[in-house]
Amino acid sequence: MGYRPKKRAFMNLQGRRLSYMEDDKLYTLVNFDRSEMTLEVIIKDGDEERTDPKYPFAHLPKNMKKELNPL
């Protein structure tokens, strides 16, 4: 077994600029909490913008899950 550095429980994603479109809404990932497997997401629907602090990791599309790689 090799040395594997411990991953932090909380990860800031703003620098990576991860976002995706779903149902004519733009979802931008802000923070990822590994201990609870939830994300803070900004949802833009036209002119309206709201923040969801407890968006479940399981609701992400497969390509976004690969980008985060929580394990």
Protein backbone atom coordinates (compact mmCIF):
# COMPACT_ATOMS: atom_id res chain seq x y z
CA MET A 1 0.00 0.00 0.00
CA GLY A 2 1.28 3.41 -0.96
CA TYR A 3 0.87 6.76 0.65
CA ARG A 4 -2.45 8.37 -0.18
CA PRO A 5 -3.04 11.91 1.07
CA LYS A 6 -6.29 12.43 2.94
CA LYS A 7 -8.90 14.36 0.98
CA ARG A 8 -10.59 17.28 2.65
CA ALA A 9 -14.25 16.94 3.59
CA PHE A 10 -15.14 20.31 2.05
CA MET A 11 -14.08 21.35 -1.44
CA ASN A 12 -14.43 24.79 -3.09
CA LEU A 13 -15.33 24.41 -6.79
CA GLN A 14 -15.56 28.04 -7.91
CA GLY A 15 -12.09 28.04 -9.45
CA ARG A 16 -12.91 25.02 -11.62
CA ARG A 17 -16.03 26.70 -13.14
CA LEU A 18 -18.10 23.52 -13.37
CA SER A 19 -21.58 23.99 -14.79
CA TYR A 20 -24.18 22.14 -16.85
CA MET A 21 -27.57 22.75 -18.49
CA GLU A 22 -30.71 20.82 -17.57
CA ASP A 23 -34.35 21.71 -18.36
CA ASP A 24 -33.32 25.18 -19.70
CA LYS A 25 -31.61 25.96 -16.37
CA LEU A 26 -27.89 26.56 -15.83
CA TYR A 27 -26.49 24.80 -12.75
CA THR A 28 -23.14 26.13 -11.48
CA LEU A 29 -21.33 24.10 -8.80
CA VAL A 30 -19.91 26.22 -5.97
CA ASN A 31 -18.93 23.93 -3.05
CA PHE A 32 -18.87 20.18 -2.41
CA ASP A 33 -19.23 18.61 1.05
CA ARG A 34 -17.82 15.06 0.93
CA SER A 35 -19.02 14.11 4.41
CA GLU A 36 -22.70 14.73 3.53
CA MET A 37 -22.31 14.17 -0.26
CA THR A 38 -24.10 17.46 -1.00
CA LEU A 39 -23.26 20.46 -3.17
CA GLU A 40 -23.96 24.14 -3.04
CA VAL A 41 -25.38 25.03 -6.46
CA ILE A 42 -26.38 28.29 -8.14
CA ILE A 43 -29.40 27.74 -10.42
CA LYS A 44 -30.04 30.32 -13.16
CA ASP A 45 -33.42 30.24 -14.89
CA GLY A 46 -33.58 33.18 -17.29
CA ASP A 47 -33.23 36.33 -15.16
CA GLU A 48 -33.92 34.49 -11.90
CA GLU A 49 -30.98 33.20 -9.86
CA ARG A 50 -31.19 31.17 -6.65
CA THR A 51 -28.80 29.17 -4.47
CA ASP A 52 -29.44 25.63 -3.28
CA PRO A 53 -27.04 24.81 -0.40
CA LYS A 54 -28.02 21.11 -0.05
CA TYR A 55 -28.18 19.77 -3.64
CA PRO A 56 -27.63 15.96 -3.56
CA PHE A 57 -24.58 14.55 -5.35
CA ALA A 58 -26.74 11.71 -6.74
CA HIS A 59 -28.77 14.21 -8.82
CA LEU A 60 -25.74 15.28 -10.90
CA PRO A 61 -25.25 14.02 -14.46
CA LYS A 62 -22.64 11.32 -14.96
CA ASN A 63 -20.07 13.60 -16.61
CA MET A 64 -20.14 15.99 -13.60
CA LYS A 65 -19.73 13.08 -11.18
CA LYS A 66 -16.60 12.01 -13.06
CA GLU A 67 -15.18 15.53 -12.79
CA LEU A 68 -15.63 15.58 -8.99
CA ASN A 69 -14.55 11.98 -8.29
CA PRO A 70 -15.54 11.90 -4.58
CA LEU A 71 -13.73 8.67 -3.66
